[in-house]
Amino acid sequence: MSERHFTLEEANELVPRVHAVMHRLLQLQSHLRVTSRALLQAGVRVAPDEPGREVGPNDDPKLRLRVQQARGILEAVRETMAEIEVLGAQVKDVERGLVDFPTLLDGTREVLLCWRIGEPTITHWHEVEAGFDGRKSVVGHRFTNAPRVLTG
């Protein structure tokens, strides 16, 4: 279970902020893609899970500079994603601009409010395992940030 849960209203209040961060993240991702493509042609791969071969002092200075740029962009991508995650939201797909907000459907089970860049508000949710293709309308549902307390 997630540490933080959102009501639909709380998540929608964050949409403008998340939108701005995701826009920046998409720009960084585009720069990283271009830089990485150029490095691949030189035989160097720079990726989040694989920093690529070390570039030494005998390598072309332009190549060394491009590797430094790629690593800097990669670090900026990580930091930008962290800006969203520190809010309690989850970046699901940078390329598609997908962000999920954990919530409790009717205060009983965890689901995710699903937002995609370009959408003015959150209008859909999905099961934790379902992902984007399993989106359902928020209409007619109650989303809470705390479990429902049963009274006896």
C-alpha atoms as a PDB file:
ATOM      1  CA  MET A   1       0.000   0.000   0.000  1.00  0.00           C
ATOM      2  CA  SER A   2       1.154   3.537  -0.707  1.00  0.00           C
ATOM      3  CA  GLU A   3       2.282   5.908   1.994  1.00  0.00           C
ATOM      4  CA  ARG A   4      -0.062   8.670   0.861  1.00  0.00           C
ATOM      5  CA  HIS A   5      -3.566   8.542  -0.531  1.00  0.00           C
ATOM      6  CA  PHE A   6      -5.450  11.363  -2.220  1.00  0.00           C
ATOM      7  CA  THR A   7      -9.032  12.404  -2.489  1.00  0.00           C
ATOM      8  CA  LEU A   8     -10.022  13.273  -6.053  1.00  0.00           C
ATOM      9  CA  GLU A   9     -10.060  16.947  -5.056  1.00  0.00           C
ATOM     10  CA  GLU A  10      -6.559  16.793  -3.543  1.00  0.00           C
ATOM     11  CA  ALA A  11      -5.153  15.096  -6.639  1.00  0.00           C
ATOM     12  CA  ASN A  12      -6.858  17.594  -8.959  1.00  0.00           C
ATOM     13  CA  GLU A  13      -5.354  20.476  -6.975  1.00  0.00           C
ATOM     14  CA  LEU A  14      -1.902  19.081  -7.842  1.00  0.00           C
ATOM     15  CA  VAL A  15      -2.612  18.664 -11.573  1.00  0.00           C
ATOM     16  CA  PRO A  16      -1.326  22.139 -12.630  1.00  0.00           C
ATOM     17  CA  ARG A  17       1.914  21.613 -10.712  1.00  0.00           C
ATOM     18  CA  VAL A  18       2.337  18.048 -11.992  1.00  0.00           C
ATOM     19  CA  HIS A  19       1.572  19.235 -15.521  1.00  0.00           C
ATOM     20  CA  ALA A  20       4.381  21.795 -15.391  1.00  0.00           C
ATOM     21  CA  VAL A  21       6.850  19.239 -14.044  1.00  0.00           C
ATOM     22  CA  MET A  22       5.809  16.608 -16.614  1.00  0.00           C
ATOM     23  CA  HIS A  23       6.211  19.165 -19.405  1.00  0.00           C
ATOM     24  CA  ARG A  24       9.764  19.818 -18.235  1.00  0.00           C
ATOM     25  CA  LEU A  25      10.362  16.075 -17.889  1.00  0.00           C
ATOM     26  CA  LEU A  26       9.238  15.474 -21.475  1.00  0.00           C
ATOM     27  CA  GLN A  27      11.646  18.150 -22.706  1.00  0.00           C
ATOM     28  CA  LEU A  28      14.519  16.584 -20.758  1.00  0.00           C
ATOM     29  CA  GLN A  29      13.606  13.147 -22.085  1.00  0.00           C
ATOM     30  CA  SER A  30      13.694  14.503 -25.639  1.00  0.00           C
ATOM     31  CA  HIS A  31      17.166  16.018 -25.096  1.00  0.00           C
ATOM     32  CA  LEU A  32      18.368  12.767 -23.555  1.00  0.00           C
ATOM     33  CA  ARG A  33      17.080  10.778 -26.527  1.00  0.00           C
ATOM     34  CA  VAL A  34      18.939  13.010 -29.020  1.00  0.00           C
ATOM     35  CA  THR A  35      22.156  12.962 -26.982  1.00  0.00           C
ATOM     36  CA  SER A  36      21.974   9.205 -26.413  1.00  0.00           C
ATOM     37  CA  ARG A  37      21.436   8.568 -30.122  1.00  0.00           C
ATOM     38  CA  ALA A  38      24.583  10.550 -30.975  1.00  0.00           C
ATOM     39  CA  LEU A  39      26.564   8.675 -28.328  1.00  0.00           C
ATOM     40  CA  LEU A  40      25.361   5.303 -29.605  1.00  0.00           C
ATOM     41  CA  GLN A  41      26.822   6.152 -32.995  1.00  0.00           C
ATOM     42  CA  ALA A  42      30.158   6.657 -31.207  1.00  0.00           C
ATOM     43  CA  GLY A  43      29.808   3.319 -29.386  1.00  0.00           C
ATOM     44  CA  VAL A  44      28.801   4.734 -25.992  1.00  0.00           C
ATOM     45  CA  ARG A  45      25.495   3.873 -24.331  1.00  0.00           C
ATOM     46  CA  VAL A  46      24.126   6.094 -21.574  1.00  0.00           C
ATOM     47  CA  ALA A  47      20.941   4.855 -19.906  1.00  0.00           C
ATOM     48  CA  PRO A  48      19.462   4.921 -16.387  1.00  0.00           C
ATOM     49  CA  ASP A  49      20.450   1.318 -15.736  1.00  0.00           C
ATOM     50  CA  GLU A  50      23.677   1.312 -17.737  1.00  0.00           C
ATOM     51  CA  PRO A  51      26.029   4.317 -17.636  1.00  0.00           C
ATOM     52  CA  GLY A  52      27.978   3.066 -20.662  1.00  0.00           C
ATOM     53  CA  ARG A  53      31.677   2.564 -21.162  1.00  0.00           C
ATOM     54  CA  GLU A  54      33.996   4.960 -19.451  1.00  0.00           C
ATOM     55  CA  VAL A  55      35.286   7.715 -21.658  1.00  0.00           C
ATOM     56  CA  GLY A  56      38.960   8.247 -21.060  1.00  0.00           C
ATOM     57  CA  PRO A  57      41.396  11.126 -21.526  1.00  0.00           C
ATOM     58  CA  ASN A  58      42.427   9.756 -24.928  1.00  0.00           C
ATOM     59  CA  ASP A  59      38.883   9.956 -26.285  1.00  0.00           C
ATOM     60  CA  ASP A  60      37.699  12.867 -28.387  1.00  0.00           C
ATOM     61  CA  PRO A  61      36.992  15.895 -26.126  1.00  0.00           C
ATOM     62  CA  LYS A  62      33.630  16.378 -27.881  1.00  0.00           C
ATOM     63  CA  LEU A  63      32.720  12.806 -27.008  1.00  0.00           C
ATOM     64  CA  ARG A  64      33.698  13.336 -23.360  1.00  0.00           C
ATOM     65  CA  LEU A  65      31.613  16.518 -23.264  1.00  0.00           C
ATOM     66  CA  ARG A  66      28.604  14.758 -24.810  1.00  0.00           C
ATOM     67  CA  VAL A  67      28.847  11.948 -22.224  1.00  0.00           C
ATOM     68  CA  GLN A  68      28.934  14.540 -19.434  1.00  0.00           C
ATOM     69  CA  GLN A  69      25.893  16.253 -20.968  1.00  0.00           C
ATOM     70  CA  ALA A  70      23.995  12.962 -21.190  1.00  0.00           C
ATOM     71  CA  ARG A  71      24.774  12.084 -17.588  1.00  0.00           C
ATOM     72  CA  GLY A  72      23.716  15.579 -16.499  1.00  0.00           C
ATOM     73  CA  ILE A  73      20.433  15.275 -18.386  1.00  0.00           C
ATOM     74  CA  LEU A  74      19.878  11.824 -16.900  1.00  0.00           C
ATOM     75  CA  GLU A  75      20.387  13.217 -13.407  1.00  0.00           C
ATOM     76  CA  ALA A  76      17.973  16.078 -14.197  1.00  0.00           C
ATOM     77  CA  VAL A  77      15.395  13.492 -15.343  1.00  0.00           C
ATOM     78  CA  ARG A  78      15.750  11.638 -12.036  1.00  0.00           C
ATOM     79  CA  GLU A  79      15.460  14.859 -10.021  1.00  0.00           C
ATOM     80  CA  THR A  80      12.423  15.993 -12.003  1.00  0.00           C
ATOM     81  CA  MET A  81      10.665  12.666 -11.505  1.00  0.00           C
ATOM     82  CA  ALA A  82      11.435  12.965  -7.790  1.00  0.00           C
ATOM     83  CA  GLU A  83       9.580  16.319  -7.733  1.00  0.00           C
ATOM     84  CA  ILE A  84       6.397  14.438  -8.597  1.00  0.00           C
ATOM     85  CA  GLU A  85       7.094  11.433  -6.415  1.00  0.00           C
ATOM     86  CA  VAL A  86       7.781  13.566  -3.327  1.00  0.00           C
ATOM     87  CA  LEU A  87       4.174  14.775  -3.642  1.00  0.00           C
ATOM     88  CA  GLY A  88       3.027  11.167  -3.289  1.00  0.00           C
ATOM     89  CA  ALA A  89       2.172  10.711  -6.972  1.00  0.00           C
ATOM     90  CA  GLN A  90       3.745   8.086  -9.229  1.00  0.00           C
ATOM     91  CA  VAL A  91       5.260   8.709 -12.661  1.00  0.00           C
ATOM     92  CA  LYS A  92       4.095   5.707 -14.688  1.00  0.00           C
ATOM     93  CA  ASP A  93       5.185   6.552 -18.240  1.00  0.00           C
ATOM     94  CA  VAL A  94       7.251   9.592 -19.132  1.00  0.00           C
ATOM     95  CA  GLU A  95       6.765   9.274 -22.899  1.00  0.00           C
ATOM     96  CA  ARG A  96       2.964   9.137 -22.553  1.00  0.00           C
ATOM     97  CA  GLY A  97       2.905  11.674 -19.710  1.00  0.00           C
ATOM     98  CA  LEU A  98       1.142   9.334 -17.276  1.00  0.00           C
ATOM     99  CA  VAL A  99       0.962  10.003 -13.557  1.00  0.00           C
ATOM    100  CA  ASP A 100      -1.046   8.058 -10.976  1.00  0.00           C
ATOM    101  CA  PHE A 101      -2.285   9.189  -7.579  1.00  0.00           C
ATOM    102  CA  PRO A 102      -2.955   6.448  -5.002  1.00  0.00           C
ATOM    103  CA  THR A 103      -6.411   6.627  -3.466  1.00  0.00           C
ATOM    104  CA  LEU A 104      -8.870   4.479  -1.590  1.00  0.00           C
ATOM    105  CA  LEU A 105     -12.000   3.626  -3.559  1.00  0.00           C
ATOM    106  CA  ASP A 106     -14.935   4.107  -1.194  1.00  0.00           C
ATOM    107  CA  GLY A 107     -12.368   4.070   1.619  1.00  0.00           C
ATOM    108  CA  THR A 108     -11.874   0.328   1.289  1.00  0.00           C
ATOM    109  CA  ARG A 109      -9.343  -0.640  -1.376  1.00  0.00           C
ATOM    110  CA  GLU A 110      -6.369   1.014  -2.999  1.00  0.00           C
ATOM    111  CA  VAL A 111      -6.738   2.067  -6.627  1.00  0.00           C
ATOM    112  CA  LEU A 112      -5.039   4.750  -8.693  1.00  0.00           C
ATOM    113  CA  LEU A 113      -6.421   8.016  -9.967  1.00  0.00           C
ATOM    114  CA  CYS A 114      -4.958   8.258 -13.466  1.00  0.00           C
ATOM    115  CA  TRP A 115      -3.927  11.510 -15.160  1.00  0.00           C
ATOM    116  CA  ARG A 116      -2.305  12.042 -18.547  1.00  0.00           C
ATOM    117  CA  ILE A 117      -0.577  15.208 -19.683  1.00  0.00           C
ATOM    118  CA  GLY A 118      -3.024  17.345 -21.621  1.00  0.00           C
ATOM    119  CA  GLU A 119      -6.002  16.402 -19.472  1.00  0.00           C
ATOM    120  CA  PRO A 120      -7.238  19.436 -17.495  1.00  0.00           C
ATOM    121  CA  THR A 121      -8.382  17.300 -14.557  1.00  0.00           C
ATOM    122  CA  ILE A 122      -8.407  13.710 -13.415  1.00  0.00           C
ATOM    123  CA  THR A 123     -11.375  11.954 -14.965  1.00  0.00           C
ATOM    124  CA  HIS A 124     -10.327   8.304 -14.663  1.00  0.00           C
ATOM    125  CA  TRP A 125      -9.071   5.705 -12.231  1.00  0.00           C
ATOM    126  CA  HIS A 126      -7.853   2.118 -12.563  1.00  0.00           C
ATOM    127  CA  GLU A 127      -7.019  -0.901 -10.466  1.00  0.00           C
ATOM    128  CA  VAL A 128      -3.407  -1.040  -9.255  1.00  0.00           C
ATOM    129  CA  GLU A 129      -2.617  -3.950 -11.589  1.00  0.00           C
ATOM    130  CA  ALA A 130      -4.690  -2.751 -14.555  1.00  0.00           C
ATOM    131  CA  GLY A 131      -2.748   0.252 -15.824  1.00  0.00           C
ATOM    132  CA  PHE A 132      -3.845   2.861 -18.347  1.00  0.00           C
ATOM    133  CA  ASP A 133      -5.816   0.449 -20.546  1.00  0.00           C
ATOM    134  CA  GLY A 134      -8.027  -0.418 -17.577  1.00  0.00           C
ATOM    135  CA  ARG A 135      -9.139   3.161 -16.929  1.00  0.00           C
ATOM    136  CA  LYS A 136     -12.683   3.778 -15.693  1.00  0.00           C
ATOM    137  CA  SER A 137     -14.583   7.012 -15.191  1.00  0.00           C
ATOM    138  CA  VAL A 138     -14.447   8.618 -11.746  1.00  0.00           C
ATOM    139  CA  VAL A 139     -18.150   9.490 -12.033  1.00  0.00           C
ATOM    140  CA  GLY A 140     -20.216   7.757  -9.388  1.00  0.00           C
ATOM    141  CA  HIS A 141     -17.277   6.769  -7.206  1.00  0.00           C
ATOM    142  CA  ARG A 142     -15.920   8.142  -3.938  1.00  0.00           C
ATOM    143  CA  PHE A 143     -12.149   8.450  -3.503  1.00  0.00           C
ATOM    144  CA  THR A 144     -10.747   8.982  -0.033  1.00  0.00           C
ATOM    145  CA  ASN A 145      -7.361   9.558   1.553  1.00  0.00           C
ATOM    146  CA  ALA A 146      -8.123   7.459   4.638  1.00  0.00           C
ATOM    147  CA  PRO A 147      -9.713   4.054   5.212  1.00  0.00           C
ATOM    148  CA  ARG A 148     -13.391   4.014   5.966  1.00  0.00           C
ATOM    149  CA  VAL A 149     -14.013   3.499   9.662  1.00  0.00           C
ATOM    150  CA  LEU A 150     -16.665   0.909  10.318  1.00  0.00           C
ATOM    151  CA  THR A 151     -18.875   1.535  13.312  1.00  0.00           C
ATOM    152  CA  GLY A 152     -20.499  -1.318  15.093  1.00  0.00           C
END
